[in-house]
Amino acid sequence: MLVALFGLAFLLFEVSLCVRVRRLAHLPVWRRALPTSILCFALAASAGRAWDVTAPAEALAYPLNVATALLGLFELDRHR
C-alpha cells in the first residue's frame, strides 16, 4: 500500500513539473515538450506490465521517470 501511495505521489509530482515546464514561454518548443514526452514513454513502459511485458517496464520505466523529474527540476531551476 505504501509503495502504491509513493508511486502516485511521484506521478503527481512529475505531472506538476511537466505542466510548470510547459508554461515557460521563453523556452523553445522542443525543450518545453521534452519532459512531457519522456513521462509519456515511461508511462507506456509501465503500462506494459498489464499485458505481461515486464522487460521494458523493468528496464525503462524507472530511469525515464527519474530523467523526467531531473529534467523538469533543471529547467525550473534554470528559469529562476
PDB file of N, CA and C in Angstrom:
ATOM      1  N   MET A   1       0.816  -1.196   0.000  1.00  0.00           N
ATOM      2  CA  MET A   1       0.000   0.000   0.000  1.00  0.00           C
ATOM      3  C   MET A   1       0.864   1.266   0.000  1.00  0.00           C
ATOM      4  N   LEU A   2       1.921   1.233   0.793  1.00  0.00           N
ATOM      5  CA  LEU A   2       2.799   2.398   0.849  1.00  0.00           C
ATOM      6  C   LEU A   2       3.512   2.637  -0.476  1.00  0.00           C
ATOM      7  N   VAL A   3       3.891   1.566  -1.145  1.00  0.00           N
ATOM      8  CA  VAL A   3       4.566   1.703  -2.431  1.00  0.00           C
ATOM      9  C   VAL A   3       3.629   2.322  -3.457  1.00  0.00           C
ATOM     10  N   ALA A   4       2.375   1.921  -3.435  1.00  0.00           N
ATOM     11  CA  ALA A   4       1.394   2.481  -4.369  1.00  0.00           C
ATOM     12  C   ALA A   4       1.158   3.962  -4.084  1.00  0.00           C
ATOM     13  N   LEU A   5       1.093   4.337  -2.817  1.00  0.00           N
ATOM     14  CA  LEU A   5       0.923   5.753  -2.467  1.00  0.00           C
ATOM     15  C   LEU A   5       2.139   6.581  -2.876  1.00  0.00           C
ATOM     16  N   PHE A   6       3.328   6.019  -2.678  1.00  0.00           N
ATOM     17  CA  PHE A   6       4.535   6.724  -3.110  1.00  0.00           C
ATOM     18  C   PHE A   6       4.559   6.880  -4.627  1.00  0.00           C
ATOM     19  N   GLY A   7       4.179   5.828  -5.336  1.00  0.00           N
ATOM     20  CA  GLY A   7       4.142   5.902  -6.801  1.00  0.00           C
ATOM     21  C   GLY A   7       3.154   6.941  -7.296  1.00  0.00           C
ATOM     22  N   LEU A   8       2.004   7.014  -6.668  1.00  0.00           N
ATOM     23  CA  LEU A   8       1.008   8.005  -7.051  1.00  0.00           C
ATOM     24  C   LEU A   8       1.488   9.417  -6.741  1.00  0.00           C
ATOM     25  N   ALA A   9       2.117   9.598  -5.582  1.00  0.00           N
ATOM     26  CA  ALA A   9       2.652  10.914  -5.222  1.00  0.00           C
ATOM     27  C   ALA A   9       3.756  11.339  -6.192  1.00  0.00           C
ATOM     28  N   PHE A  10       4.620  10.402  -6.577  1.00  0.00           N
ATOM     29  CA  PHE A  10       5.696  10.716  -7.514  1.00  0.00           C
ATOM     30  C   PHE A  10       5.141  11.044  -8.892  1.00  0.00           C
ATOM     31  N   LEU A  11       4.093  10.341  -9.298  1.00  0.00           N
ATOM     32  CA  LEU A  11       3.455  10.634 -10.583  1.00  0.00           C
ATOM     33  C   LEU A  11       2.842  12.031 -10.576  1.00  0.00           C
ATOM     34  N   LEU A  12       2.171  12.391  -9.501  1.00  0.00           N
ATOM     35  CA  LEU A  12       1.594  13.739  -9.401  1.00  0.00           C
ATOM     36  C   LEU A  12       2.686  14.808  -9.385  1.00  0.00           C
ATOM     37  N   PHE A  13       3.796  14.523  -8.716  1.00  0.00           N
ATOM     38  CA  PHE A  13       4.931  15.439  -8.716  1.00  0.00           C
ATOM     39  C   PHE A  13       5.475  15.637 -10.123  1.00  0.00           C
ATOM     40  N   GLU A  14       5.628  14.545 -10.872  1.00  0.00           N
ATOM     41  CA  GLU A  14       6.138  14.642 -12.239  1.00  0.00           C
ATOM     42  C   GLU A  14       5.173  15.373 -13.157  1.00  0.00           C
ATOM     43  N   VAL A  15       3.895  15.120 -13.014  1.00  0.00           N
ATOM     44  CA  VAL A  15       2.908  15.812 -13.850  1.00  0.00           C
ATOM     45  C   VAL A  15       2.927  17.313 -13.545  1.00  0.00           C
ATOM     46  N   SER A  16       3.025  17.674 -12.279  1.00  0.00           N
ATOM     47  CA  SER A  16       3.074  19.105 -11.949  1.00  0.00           C
ATOM     48  C   SER A  16       4.346  19.752 -12.489  1.00  0.00           C
ATOM     49  N   LEU A  17       5.465  19.020 -12.455  1.00  0.00           N
ATOM     50  CA  LEU A  17       6.698  19.548 -13.054  1.00  0.00           C
ATOM     51  C   LEU A  17       6.538  19.755 -14.554  1.00  0.00           C
ATOM     52  N   CYS A  18       5.929  18.776 -15.224  1.00  0.00           N
ATOM     53  CA  CYS A  18       5.744  18.880 -16.674  1.00  0.00           C
ATOM     54  C   CYS A  18       4.851  20.063 -17.026  1.00  0.00           C
ATOM     55  N   VAL A  19       3.816  20.281 -16.250  1.00  0.00           N
ATOM     56  CA  VAL A  19       2.921  21.416 -16.510  1.00  0.00           C
ATOM     57  C   VAL A  19       3.643  22.733 -16.284  1.00  0.00           C
ATOM     58  N   ARG A  20       4.434  22.801 -15.226  1.00  0.00           N
ATOM     59  CA  ARG A  20       5.160  24.044 -14.951  1.00  0.00           C
ATOM     60  C   ARG A  20       6.207  24.333 -16.016  1.00  0.00           C
ATOM     61  N   VAL A  21       6.899  23.294 -16.501  1.00  0.00           N
ATOM     62  CA  VAL A  21       7.891  23.494 -17.564  1.00  0.00           C
ATOM     63  C   VAL A  21       7.190  23.879 -18.857  1.00  0.00           C
ATOM     64  N   ARG A  22       6.028  23.288 -19.112  1.00  0.00           N
ATOM     65  CA  ARG A  22       5.278  23.576 -20.333  1.00  0.00           C
ATOM     66  C   ARG A  22       4.864  25.043 -20.403  1.00  0.00           C
ATOM     67  N   ARG A  23       4.683  25.685 -19.250  1.00  0.00           N
ATOM     68  CA  ARG A  23       4.244  27.086 -19.210  1.00  0.00           C
ATOM     69  C   ARG A  23       5.382  28.083 -19.379  1.00  0.00           C
ATOM     70  N   LEU A  24       6.629  27.642 -19.416  1.00  0.00           N
ATOM     71  CA  LEU A  24       7.758  28.559 -19.584  1.00  0.00           C
ATOM     72  C   LEU A  24       7.816  29.009 -21.043  1.00  0.00           C
ATOM     73  N   ALA A  25       7.442  30.243 -21.276  1.00  0.00           N
ATOM     74  CA  ALA A  25       7.295  30.728 -22.648  1.00  0.00           C
ATOM     75  C   ALA A  25       8.638  30.994 -23.340  1.00  0.00           C
ATOM     76  N   HIS A  26       9.679  31.259 -22.585  1.00  0.00           N
ATOM     77  CA  HIS A  26      10.950  31.616 -23.210  1.00  0.00           C
ATOM     78  C   HIS A  26      11.725  30.406 -23.734  1.00  0.00           C
ATOM     79  N   LEU A  27      11.304  29.206 -23.368  1.00  0.00           N
ATOM     80  CA  LEU A  27      11.987  28.003 -23.853  1.00  0.00           C
ATOM     81  C   LEU A  27      11.524  27.639 -25.257  1.00  0.00           C
ATOM     82  N   PRO A  28      12.407  27.040 -26.048  1.00  0.00           N
ATOM     83  CA  PRO A  28      11.957  26.509 -27.338  1.00  0.00           C
ATOM     84  C   PRO A  28      10.925  25.405 -27.120  1.00  0.00           C
ATOM     85  N   VAL A  29      10.136  25.167 -28.139  1.00  0.00           N
ATOM     86  CA  VAL A  29       9.033  24.204 -28.025  1.00  0.00           C
ATOM     87  C   VAL A  29       9.548  22.814 -27.675  1.00  0.00           C
ATOM     88  N   TRP A  30      10.653  22.397 -28.268  1.00  0.00           N
ATOM     89  CA  TRP A  30      11.135  21.037 -28.025  1.00  0.00           C
ATOM     90  C   TRP A  30      11.597  20.869 -26.582  1.00  0.00           C
ATOM     91  N   ARG A  31      12.126  21.918 -25.963  1.00  0.00           N
ATOM     92  CA  ARG A  31      12.551  21.819 -24.569  1.00  0.00           C
ATOM     93  C   ARG A  31      11.370  21.875 -23.614  1.00  0.00           C
ATOM     94  N   ARG A  32      10.282  22.525 -24.024  1.00  0.00           N
ATOM     95  CA  ARG A  32       9.071  22.519 -23.203  1.00  0.00           C
ATOM     96  C   ARG A  32       8.379  21.170 -23.269  1.00  0.00           C
ATOM     97  N   ALA A  33       8.461  20.507 -24.404  1.00  0.00           N
ATOM     98  CA  ALA A  33       7.765  19.231 -24.593  1.00  0.00           C
ATOM     99  C   ALA A  33       8.591  18.026 -24.155  1.00  0.00           C
ATOM    100  N   LEU A  34       9.877  18.187 -23.948  1.00  0.00           N
ATOM    101  CA  LEU A  34      10.737  17.041 -23.633  1.00  0.00           C
ATOM    102  C   LEU A  34      10.361  16.324 -22.333  1.00  0.00           C
ATOM    103  N   PRO A  35      10.162  17.017 -21.207  1.00  0.00           N
ATOM    104  CA  PRO A  35       9.768  16.269 -20.002  1.00  0.00           C
ATOM    105  C   PRO A  35       8.433  15.541 -20.155  1.00  0.00           C
ATOM    106  N   THR A  36       7.493  16.155 -20.841  1.00  0.00           N
ATOM    107  CA  THR A  36       6.190  15.517 -21.037  1.00  0.00           C
ATOM    108  C   THR A  36       6.314  14.274 -21.908  1.00  0.00           C
ATOM    109  N   SER A  37       7.112  14.349 -22.958  1.00  0.00           N
ATOM    110  CA  SER A  37       7.255  13.180 -23.828  1.00  0.00           C
ATOM    111  C   SER A  37       8.008  12.056 -23.123  1.00  0.00           C
ATOM    112  N   ILE A  38       9.016  12.384 -22.314  1.00  0.00           N
ATOM    113  CA  ILE A  38       9.722  11.344 -21.561  1.00  0.00           C
ATOM    114  C   ILE A  38       8.776  10.685 -20.561  1.00  0.00           C
ATOM    115  N   LEU A  39       7.922  11.489 -19.923  1.00  0.00           N
ATOM    116  CA  LEU A  39       6.946  10.936 -18.987  1.00  0.00           C
ATOM    117  C   LEU A  39       5.962  10.018 -19.707  1.00  0.00           C
ATOM    118  N   CYS A  40       5.548  10.383 -20.908  1.00  0.00           N
ATOM    119  CA  CYS A  40       4.637   9.523 -21.674  1.00  0.00           C
ATOM    120  C   CYS A  40       5.303   8.200 -22.037  1.00  0.00           C
ATOM    121  N   PHE A  41       6.581   8.222 -22.395  1.00  0.00           N
ATOM    122  CA  PHE A  41       7.304   6.981 -22.680  1.00  0.00           C
ATOM    123  C   PHE A  41       7.419   6.117 -21.429  1.00  0.00           C
ATOM    124  N   ALA A  42       7.655   6.746 -20.281  1.00  0.00           N
ATOM    125  CA  ALA A  42       7.747   5.994 -19.030  1.00  0.00           C
ATOM    126  C   ALA A  42       6.408   5.365 -18.676  1.00  0.00           C
ATOM    127  N   LEU A  43       5.331   6.099 -18.872  1.00  0.00           N
ATOM    128  CA  LEU A  43       4.004   5.551 -18.580  1.00  0.00           C
ATOM    129  C   LEU A  43       3.667   4.412 -19.543  1.00  0.00           C
ATOM    130  N   ALA A  44       4.079   4.529 -20.795  1.00  0.00           N
ATOM    131  CA  ALA A  44       3.837   3.448 -21.753  1.00  0.00           C
ATOM    132  C   ALA A  44       4.632   2.205 -21.377  1.00  0.00           C
ATOM    133  N   ALA A  45       5.871   2.395 -20.919  1.00  0.00           N
ATOM    134  CA  ALA A  45       6.667   1.246 -20.493  1.00  0.00           C
ATOM    135  C   ALA A  45       6.059   0.606 -19.245  1.00  0.00           C
ATOM    136  N   SER A  46       5.553   1.413 -18.344  1.00  0.00           N
ATOM    137  CA  SER A  46       4.920   0.871 -17.139  1.00  0.00           C
ATOM    138  C   SER A  46       3.612   0.165 -17.465  1.00  0.00           C
ATOM    139  N   ALA A  47       2.898   0.649 -18.448  1.00  0.00           N
ATOM    140  CA  ALA A  47       1.627   0.027 -18.826  1.00  0.00           C
ATOM    141  C   ALA A  47       1.840  -1.341 -19.465  1.00  0.00           C
ATOM    142  N   GLY A  48       3.034  -1.614 -19.906  1.00  0.00           N
ATOM    143  CA  GLY A  48       3.331  -2.923 -20.465  1.00  0.00           C
ATOM    144  C   GLY A  48       3.160  -4.049 -19.471  1.00  0.00           C
ATOM    145  N   ARG A  49       3.230  -3.728 -18.189  1.00  0.00           N
ATOM    146  CA  ARG A  49       3.037  -4.756 -17.163  1.00  0.00           C
ATOM    147  C   ARG A  49       1.624  -5.324 -17.198  1.00  0.00           C
ATOM    148  N   ALA A  50       0.677  -4.556 -17.674  1.00  0.00           N
ATOM    149  CA  ALA A  50      -0.705  -5.046 -17.747  1.00  0.00           C
ATOM    150  C   ALA A  50      -0.845  -6.160 -18.782  1.00  0.00           C
ATOM    151  N   TRP A  51       0.042  -6.187 -19.761  1.00  0.00           N
ATOM    152  CA  TRP A  51      -0.001  -7.211 -20.803  1.00  0.00           C
ATOM    153  C   TRP A  51       1.137  -8.215 -20.646  1.00  0.00           C
ATOM    154  N   ASP A  52       1.687  -8.316 -19.455  1.00  0.00           N
ATOM    155  CA  ASP A  52       2.774  -9.245 -19.134  1.00  0.00           C
ATOM    156  C   ASP A  52       4.027  -9.027 -19.983  1.00  0.00           C
ATOM    157  N   VAL A  53       4.284  -7.801 -20.317  1.00  0.00           N
ATOM    158  CA  VAL A  53       5.531  -7.441 -20.995  1.00  0.00           C
ATOM    159  C   VAL A  53       6.351  -6.683 -19.954  1.00  0.00           C
ATOM    160  N   THR A  54       7.028  -7.406 -19.097  1.00  0.00           N
ATOM    161  CA  THR A  54       7.686  -6.786 -17.952  1.00  0.00           C
ATOM    162  C   THR A  54       9.101  -6.296 -18.236  1.00  0.00           C
ATOM    163  N   ALA A  55       9.739  -6.811 -19.263  1.00  0.00           N
ATOM    164  CA  ALA A  55      11.131  -6.426 -19.530  1.00  0.00           C
ATOM    165  C   ALA A  55      11.283  -4.928 -19.807  1.00  0.00           C
ATOM    166  N   PRO A  56      10.461  -4.327 -20.688  1.00  0.00           N
ATOM    167  CA  PRO A  56      10.605  -2.877 -20.885  1.00  0.00           C
ATOM    168  C   PRO A  56      10.260  -2.078 -19.632  1.00  0.00           C
ATOM    169  N   ALA A  57       9.288  -2.559 -18.884  1.00  0.00           N
ATOM    170  CA  ALA A  57       8.912  -1.838 -17.667  1.00  0.00           C
ATOM    171  C   ALA A  57      10.054  -1.863 -16.661  1.00  0.00           C
ATOM    172  N   GLU A  58      10.695  -3.003 -16.513  1.00  0.00           N
ATOM    173  CA  GLU A  58      11.802  -3.108 -15.566  1.00  0.00           C
ATOM    174  C   GLU A  58      13.033  -2.343 -16.033  1.00  0.00           C
ATOM    175  N   ALA A  59      13.260  -2.313 -17.323  1.00  0.00           N
ATOM    176  CA  ALA A  59      14.474  -1.694 -17.836  1.00  0.00           C
ATOM    177  C   ALA A  59      14.334  -0.192 -18.084  1.00  0.00           C
ATOM    178  N   LEU A  60      13.146   0.268 -18.461  1.00  0.00           N
ATOM    179  CA  LEU A  60      12.992   1.645 -18.908  1.00  0.00           C
ATOM    180  C   LEU A  60      12.184   2.560 -17.997  1.00  0.00           C
ATOM    181  N   ALA A  61      11.202   2.042 -17.317  1.00  0.00           N
ATOM    182  CA  ALA A  61      10.258   2.909 -16.607  1.00  0.00           C
ATOM    183  C   ALA A  61      10.931   3.735 -15.521  1.00  0.00           C
ATOM    184  N   TYR A  62      11.694   3.098 -14.655  1.00  0.00           N
ATOM    185  CA  TYR A  62      12.329   3.837 -13.561  1.00  0.00           C
ATOM    186  C   TYR A  62      13.338   4.880 -14.064  1.00  0.00           C
ATOM    187  N   PRO A  63      14.265   4.538 -14.972  1.00  0.00           N
ATOM    188  CA  PRO A  63      15.193   5.570 -15.454  1.00  0.00           C
ATOM    189  C   PRO A  63      14.497   6.723 -16.170  1.00  0.00           C
ATOM    190  N   LEU A  64      13.429   6.427 -16.913  1.00  0.00           N
ATOM    191  CA  LEU A  64      12.715   7.507 -17.590  1.00  0.00           C
ATOM    192  C   LEU A  64      11.973   8.394 -16.596  1.00  0.00           C
ATOM    193  N   ASN A  65      11.434   7.813 -15.537  1.00  0.00           N
ATOM    194  CA  ASN A  65      10.780   8.625 -14.515  1.00  0.00           C
ATOM    195  C   ASN A  65      11.784   9.524 -13.797  1.00  0.00           C
ATOM    196  N   VAL A  66      12.949   8.999 -13.504  1.00  0.00           N
ATOM    197  CA  VAL A  66      13.987   9.811 -12.863  1.00  0.00           C
ATOM    198  C   VAL A  66      14.461  10.911 -13.811  1.00  0.00           C
ATOM    199  N   ALA A  67      14.614  10.585 -15.086  1.00  0.00           N
ATOM    200  CA  ALA A  67      15.038  11.592 -16.067  1.00  0.00           C
ATOM    201  C   ALA A  67      14.004  12.701 -16.190  1.00  0.00           C
ATOM    202  N   THR A  68      12.726  12.358 -16.138  1.00  0.00           N
ATOM    203  CA  THR A  68      11.677  13.370 -16.202  1.00  0.00           C
ATOM    204  C   THR A  68      11.771  14.319 -15.020  1.00  0.00           C
ATOM    205  N   ALA A  69      11.921  13.760 -13.831  1.00  0.00           N
ATOM    206  CA  ALA A  69      11.999  14.593 -12.633  1.00  0.00           C
ATOM    207  C   ALA A  69      13.237  15.483 -12.660  1.00  0.00           C
ATOM    208  N   LEU A  70      14.384  14.921 -13.010  1.00  0.00           N
ATOM    209  CA  LEU A  70      15.611  15.708 -13.029  1.00  0.00           C
ATOM    210  C   LEU A  70      15.583  16.787 -14.101  1.00  0.00           C
ATOM    211  N   LEU A  71      15.070  16.460 -15.264  1.00  0.00           N
ATOM    212  CA  LEU A  71      14.998  17.445 -16.341  1.00  0.00           C
ATOM    213  C   LEU A  71      14.028  18.571 -15.998  1.00  0.00           C
ATOM    214  N   GLY A  72      12.887  18.222 -15.429  1.00  0.00           N
ATOM    215  CA  GLY A  72      11.933  19.250 -15.022  1.00  0.00           C
ATOM    216  C   GLY A  72      12.492  20.161 -13.953  1.00  0.00           C
ATOM    217  N   LEU A  73      13.162  19.571 -12.951  1.00  0.00           N
ATOM    218  CA  LEU A  73      13.766  20.395 -11.910  1.00  0.00           C
ATOM    219  C   LEU A  73      14.888  21.267 -12.462  1.00  0.00           C
ATOM    220  N   PHE A  74      15.653  20.734 -13.410  1.00  0.00           N
ATOM    221  CA  PHE A  74      16.733  21.507 -14.033  1.00  0.00           C
ATOM    222  C   PHE A  74      16.186  22.717 -14.788  1.00  0.00           C
ATOM    223  N   GLU A  75      15.140  22.509 -15.560  1.00  0.00           N
ATOM    224  CA  GLU A  75      14.568  23.613 -16.335  1.00  0.00           C
ATOM    225  C   GLU A  75      13.968  24.682 -15.424  1.00  0.00           C
ATOM    226  N   LEU A  76      13.293  24.243 -14.363  1.00  0.00           N
ATOM    227  CA  LEU A  76      12.718  25.218 -13.439  1.00  0.00           C
ATOM    228  C   LEU A  76      13.788  25.951 -12.665  1.00  0.00           C
ATOM    229  N   ASP A  77      14.851  25.262 -12.274  1.00  0.00           N
ATOM    230  CA  ASP A  77      15.943  25.911 -11.566  1.00  0.00           C
ATOM    231  C   ASP A  77      16.659  26.904 -12.475  1.00  0.00           C
ATOM    232  N   ARG A  78      16.810  26.547 -13.728  1.00  0.00           N
ATOM    233  CA  ARG A  78      17.442  27.452 -14.689  1.00  0.00           C
ATOM    234  C   ARG A  78      16.588  28.663 -14.965  1.00  0.00           C
ATOM    235  N   HIS A  79      15.281  28.490 -14.890  1.00  0.00           N
ATOM    236  CA  HIS A  79      14.356  29.605 -15.106  1.00  0.00           C
ATOM    237  C   HIS A  79      14.492  30.645 -13.980  1.00  0.00           C
ATOM    238  N   ARG A  80      14.705  30.163 -12.767  1.00  0.00           N
ATOM    239  CA  ARG A  80      14.836  31.076 -11.636  1.00  0.00           C
ATOM    240  C   ARG A  80      16.143  31.803 -11.715  1.00  0.00           C
TER     241      ARG A  80
END
